[in-house]
Amino acid sequence: MKRLGFILILLLPFNLFSQIKVDKAGDGWDSIVYSAINLIKKHSPLHYNILLETTQKIEFWNEYYSSNDIIEGKGVIVISAKDIKLSSLNNIAAALVHESFHLRFLKSGPTLRGYEEEYMCYLYELKLLKLLPNVEPDLLAYTKEQIQLWNIK
């Protein structure tokens, strides 16, 4: 009986991730995304829970930016090849939380203007970046620039 309990405890993290399906692409891109999810989980339970709540699938595409969509009622985050090729786990984590916050707005209905939503998503992303260790200064600077850009009054 103790052995069964031990096995269940070991499998628990895998069951949580099974809620989010990550497509296989590139050279281990799915592993990079799972590592970014672990990073989020370790440093911010709030961001991690919203990611789990909003996202059922993560895909990849060959565009300049990451994005999101609701397909057949399921939240999908699409990570850009450009983001993966930056080789920054912090950047992938930032993209995941940013896009998951967009999905949260999408699922709850359009209550904000586009620029207001983008502003809120970058603020949310910055909150995560401040919790992560060894965040690249250029990633922080970019996020802060985007906050200023989208802070249209």
C-alpha atoms as a PDB file:
ATOM      1  CA  MET A   1       0.000   0.000   0.000  1.00  0.00           C
ATOM      2  CA  LYS A   2       2.845   2.420   0.837  1.00  0.00           C
ATOM      3  CA  ARG A   3       4.434   1.615  -2.515  1.00  0.00           C
ATOM      4  CA  LEU A   4       1.221   2.562  -4.349  1.00  0.00           C
ATOM      5  CA  GLY A   5       1.057   5.876  -2.466  1.00  0.00           C
ATOM      6  CA  PHE A   6       4.686   6.611  -3.341  1.00  0.00           C
ATOM      7  CA  ILE A   7       4.046   5.896  -7.038  1.00  0.00           C
ATOM      8  CA  LEU A   8       0.982   8.159  -7.039  1.00  0.00           C
ATOM      9  CA  ILE A   9       2.998  10.996  -5.497  1.00  0.00           C
ATOM     10  CA  LEU A  10       5.679  10.584  -8.167  1.00  0.00           C
ATOM     11  CA  LEU A  11       3.101  10.682 -10.955  1.00  0.00           C
ATOM     12  CA  LEU A  12       1.216  13.716  -9.638  1.00  0.00           C
ATOM     13  CA  PRO A  13       3.295  16.355 -11.487  1.00  0.00           C
ATOM     14  CA  PHE A  14       2.919  14.434 -14.744  1.00  0.00           C
ATOM     15  CA  ASN A  15      -0.844  14.334 -14.316  1.00  0.00           C
ATOM     16  CA  LEU A  16      -0.925  18.104 -13.903  1.00  0.00           C
ATOM     17  CA  PHE A  17       1.056  18.600 -17.097  1.00  0.00           C
ATOM     18  CA  SER A  18      -1.169  16.153 -18.935  1.00  0.00           C
ATOM     19  CA  GLN A  19      -3.784  18.912 -18.845  1.00  0.00           C
ATOM     20  CA  ILE A  20      -1.579  20.858 -21.266  1.00  0.00           C
ATOM     21  CA  LYS A  21      -0.575  19.036 -24.440  1.00  0.00           C
ATOM     22  CA  VAL A  22       2.607  20.364 -26.036  1.00  0.00           C
ATOM     23  CA  ASP A  23       3.153  19.506 -29.705  1.00  0.00           C
ATOM     24  CA  LYS A  24       6.469  18.003 -30.699  1.00  0.00           C
ATOM     25  CA  ALA A  25       8.405  20.261 -33.030  1.00  0.00           C
ATOM     26  CA  GLY A  26      11.923  21.422 -33.773  1.00  0.00           C
ATOM     27  CA  ASP A  27      14.817  19.990 -31.841  1.00  0.00           C
ATOM     28  CA  GLY A  28      13.270  19.312 -28.437  1.00  0.00           C
ATOM     29  CA  TRP A  29      11.047  22.399 -28.430  1.00  0.00           C
ATOM     30  CA  ASP A  30       8.435  20.557 -26.379  1.00  0.00           C
ATOM     31  CA  SER A  31      11.047  19.880 -23.676  1.00  0.00           C
ATOM     32  CA  ILE A  32      11.927  23.581 -23.605  1.00  0.00           C
ATOM     33  CA  VAL A  33       8.269  24.469 -23.077  1.00  0.00           C
ATOM     34  CA  TYR A  34       7.880  21.882 -20.302  1.00  0.00           C
ATOM     35  CA  SER A  35      10.984  23.353 -18.637  1.00  0.00           C
ATOM     36  CA  ALA A  36       9.451  26.827 -18.867  1.00  0.00           C
ATOM     37  CA  ILE A  37       6.220  25.503 -17.325  1.00  0.00           C
ATOM     38  CA  ASN A  38       8.279  24.037 -14.471  1.00  0.00           C
ATOM     39  CA  LEU A  39      10.021  27.383 -14.017  1.00  0.00           C
ATOM     40  CA  ILE A  40       6.656  29.143 -13.760  1.00  0.00           C
ATOM     41  CA  LYS A  41       5.348  26.509 -11.357  1.00  0.00           C
ATOM     42  CA  LYS A  42       8.405  26.836  -9.115  1.00  0.00           C
ATOM     43  CA  HIS A  43       8.408  30.629  -8.869  1.00  0.00           C
ATOM     44  CA  SER A  44       4.770  31.708  -9.194  1.00  0.00           C
ATOM     45  CA  PRO A  45       1.840  29.472  -8.279  1.00  0.00           C
ATOM     46  CA  LEU A  46      -0.554  32.241  -9.418  1.00  0.00           C
ATOM     47  CA  HIS A  47       0.862  32.398 -12.952  1.00  0.00           C
ATOM     48  CA  TYR A  48       1.066  28.598 -13.076  1.00  0.00           C
ATOM     49  CA  ASN A  49      -2.569  28.156 -12.035  1.00  0.00           C
ATOM     50  CA  ILE A  50      -3.814  30.641 -14.625  1.00  0.00           C
ATOM     51  CA  LEU A  51      -1.733  28.861 -17.280  1.00  0.00           C
ATOM     52  CA  LEU A  52      -3.365  25.544 -16.311  1.00  0.00           C
ATOM     53  CA  GLU A  53      -6.819  27.119 -16.124  1.00  0.00           C
ATOM     54  CA  THR A  54      -6.685  28.701 -19.579  1.00  0.00           C
ATOM     55  CA  THR A  55      -4.454  26.491 -21.712  1.00  0.00           C
ATOM     56  CA  GLN A  56      -5.084  23.006 -23.012  1.00  0.00           C
ATOM     57  CA  LYS A  57      -2.586  22.921 -25.877  1.00  0.00           C
ATOM     58  CA  ILE A  58       0.691  24.550 -26.906  1.00  0.00           C
ATOM     59  CA  GLU A  59       1.718  24.582 -30.547  1.00  0.00           C
ATOM     60  CA  PHE A  60       4.528  26.184 -32.537  1.00  0.00           C
ATOM     61  CA  TRP A  61       4.573  28.312 -35.664  1.00  0.00           C
ATOM     62  CA  ASN A  62       7.055  30.029 -37.911  1.00  0.00           C
ATOM     63  CA  GLU A  63       5.997  33.597 -37.203  1.00  0.00           C
ATOM     64  CA  TYR A  64       7.741  36.520 -35.536  1.00  0.00           C
ATOM     65  CA  TYR A  65       5.514  36.573 -32.444  1.00  0.00           C
ATOM     66  CA  SER A  66       3.743  34.112 -30.146  1.00  0.00           C
ATOM     67  CA  SER A  67      -0.048  34.139 -30.068  1.00  0.00           C
ATOM     68  CA  ASN A  68      -3.150  32.399 -28.772  1.00  0.00           C
ATOM     69  CA  ASP A  69      -6.613  31.276 -29.793  1.00  0.00           C
ATOM     70  CA  ILE A  70      -9.654  29.387 -28.603  1.00  0.00           C
ATOM     71  CA  ILE A  71     -10.251  26.385 -30.836  1.00  0.00           C
ATOM     72  CA  GLU A  72     -13.308  24.240 -30.206  1.00  0.00           C
ATOM     73  CA  GLY A  73     -13.557  25.733 -26.710  1.00  0.00           C
ATOM     74  CA  LYS A  74      -9.948  24.921 -25.835  1.00  0.00           C
ATOM     75  CA  GLY A  75      -7.240  27.476 -25.093  1.00  0.00           C
ATOM     76  CA  VAL A  76      -4.260  27.197 -27.433  1.00  0.00           C
ATOM     77  CA  ILE A  77      -0.967  29.051 -27.107  1.00  0.00           C
ATOM     78  CA  VAL A  78       1.215  29.213 -30.205  1.00  0.00           C
ATOM     79  CA  ILE A  79       4.910  29.812 -29.517  1.00  0.00           C
ATOM     80  CA  SER A  80       6.892  31.412 -32.323  1.00  0.00           C
ATOM     81  CA  ALA A  81      10.024  29.822 -33.711  1.00  0.00           C
ATOM     82  CA  LYS A  82      11.698  33.194 -33.088  1.00  0.00           C
ATOM     83  CA  ASP A  83      10.951  32.967 -29.362  1.00  0.00           C
ATOM     84  CA  ILE A  84      12.315  29.419 -29.172  1.00  0.00           C
ATOM     85  CA  LYS A  85      15.467  30.354 -31.108  1.00  0.00           C
ATOM     86  CA  LEU A  86      16.297  33.105 -28.603  1.00  0.00           C
ATOM     87  CA  SER A  87      17.369  30.231 -26.307  1.00  0.00           C
ATOM     88  CA  SER A  88      15.928  31.927 -23.231  1.00  0.00           C
ATOM     89  CA  LEU A  89      13.840  29.828 -20.877  1.00  0.00           C
ATOM     90  CA  ASN A  90      12.752  33.052 -19.177  1.00  0.00           C
ATOM     91  CA  ASN A  91      11.469  34.385 -22.508  1.00  0.00           C
ATOM     92  CA  ILE A  92       9.422  31.226 -23.135  1.00  0.00           C
ATOM     93  CA  ALA A  93       7.992  31.433 -19.609  1.00  0.00           C
ATOM     94  CA  ALA A  94       7.133  35.097 -20.231  1.00  0.00           C
ATOM     95  CA  ALA A  95       5.437  34.243 -23.536  1.00  0.00           C
ATOM     96  CA  LEU A  96       3.412  31.471 -21.884  1.00  0.00           C
ATOM     97  CA  VAL A  97       2.084  33.665 -19.080  1.00  0.00           C
ATOM     98  CA  HIS A  98       1.475  36.589 -21.444  1.00  0.00           C
ATOM     99  CA  GLU A  99      -0.553  34.467 -23.869  1.00  0.00           C
ATOM    100  CA  SER A 100      -2.370  32.638 -21.059  1.00  0.00           C
ATOM    101  CA  PHE A 101      -3.556  36.005 -19.733  1.00  0.00           C
ATOM    102  CA  HIS A 102      -4.889  36.847 -23.214  1.00  0.00           C
ATOM    103  CA  LEU A 103      -6.732  33.514 -23.133  1.00  0.00           C
ATOM    104  CA  ARG A 104      -8.221  34.439 -19.783  1.00  0.00           C
ATOM    105  CA  PHE A 105      -9.628  37.629 -21.330  1.00  0.00           C
ATOM    106  CA  LEU A 106     -10.865  35.696 -24.374  1.00  0.00           C
ATOM    107  CA  LYS A 107     -12.667  33.144 -22.222  1.00  0.00           C
ATOM    108  CA  SER A 108     -14.308  35.761 -20.002  1.00  0.00           C
ATOM    109  CA  GLY A 109     -15.474  37.920 -22.898  1.00  0.00           C
ATOM    110  CA  PRO A 110     -14.241  41.199 -24.390  1.00  0.00           C
ATOM    111  CA  THR A 111     -14.358  43.735 -21.599  1.00  0.00           C
ATOM    112  CA  LEU A 112     -11.253  45.737 -22.527  1.00  0.00           C
ATOM    113  CA  ARG A 113     -10.101  47.522 -25.650  1.00  0.00           C
ATOM    114  CA  GLY A 114      -7.264  45.755 -27.499  1.00  0.00           C
ATOM    115  CA  TYR A 115      -4.572  48.122 -26.298  1.00  0.00           C
ATOM    116  CA  GLU A 116      -5.829  47.888 -22.707  1.00  0.00           C
ATOM    117  CA  GLU A 117      -5.680  44.104 -22.821  1.00  0.00           C
ATOM    118  CA  GLU A 118      -2.154  44.147 -24.271  1.00  0.00           C
ATOM    119  CA  TYR A 119      -1.066  46.571 -21.555  1.00  0.00           C
ATOM    120  CA  MET A 120      -2.511  44.301 -18.837  1.00  0.00           C
ATOM    121  CA  CYS A 121      -0.831  41.219 -20.345  1.00  0.00           C
ATOM    122  CA  TYR A 122       2.579  42.915 -20.341  1.00  0.00           C
ATOM    123  CA  LEU A 123       2.080  44.048 -16.731  1.00  0.00           C
ATOM    124  CA  TYR A 124       1.200  40.458 -15.812  1.00  0.00           C
ATOM    125  CA  GLU A 125       4.286  39.210 -17.678  1.00  0.00           C
ATOM    126  CA  LEU A 126       6.508  41.703 -15.842  1.00  0.00           C
ATOM    127  CA  LYS A 127       5.196  40.440 -12.494  1.00  0.00           C
ATOM    128  CA  LEU A 128       6.433  36.963 -13.407  1.00  0.00           C
ATOM    129  CA  LEU A 129       9.809  38.226 -14.654  1.00  0.00           C
ATOM    130  CA  LYS A 130      10.385  39.981 -11.327  1.00  0.00           C
ATOM    131  CA  LEU A 131       9.927  36.631  -9.565  1.00  0.00           C
ATOM    132  CA  LEU A 132      12.329  34.650 -11.751  1.00  0.00           C
ATOM    133  CA  PRO A 133      16.045  34.403 -10.982  1.00  0.00           C
ATOM    134  CA  ASN A 134      18.644  35.696 -13.438  1.00  0.00           C
ATOM    135  CA  VAL A 135      16.259  37.315 -15.898  1.00  0.00           C
ATOM    136  CA  GLU A 136      18.069  38.774 -18.875  1.00  0.00           C
ATOM    137  CA  PRO A 137      18.217  42.603 -18.669  1.00  0.00           C
ATOM    138  CA  ASP A 138      17.148  42.942 -22.320  1.00  0.00           C
ATOM    139  CA  LEU A 139      14.015  40.844 -21.651  1.00  0.00           C
ATOM    140  CA  LEU A 140      13.081  43.084 -18.708  1.00  0.00           C
ATOM    141  CA  ALA A 141      13.787  46.199 -20.762  1.00  0.00           C
ATOM    142  CA  TYR A 142      11.683  44.939 -23.683  1.00  0.00           C
ATOM    143  CA  THR A 143       8.740  44.140 -21.402  1.00  0.00           C
ATOM    144  CA  LYS A 144       8.934  47.558 -19.753  1.00  0.00           C
ATOM    145  CA  GLU A 145       9.084  49.238 -23.192  1.00  0.00           C
ATOM    146  CA  GLN A 146       5.972  47.344 -24.249  1.00  0.00           C
ATOM    147  CA  ILE A 147       4.159  48.456 -21.090  1.00  0.00           C
ATOM    148  CA  GLN A 148       4.936  52.083 -21.949  1.00  0.00           C
ATOM    149  CA  LEU A 149       3.962  51.569 -25.585  1.00  0.00           C
ATOM    150  CA  TRP A 150       0.571  50.038 -24.754  1.00  0.00           C
ATOM    151  CA  ASN A 151      -0.222  52.460 -21.907  1.00  0.00           C
ATOM    152  CA  ILE A 152      -2.430  54.608 -24.125  1.00  0.00           C
ATOM    153  CA  LYS A 153      -4.704  56.999 -22.235  1.00  0.00           C
END
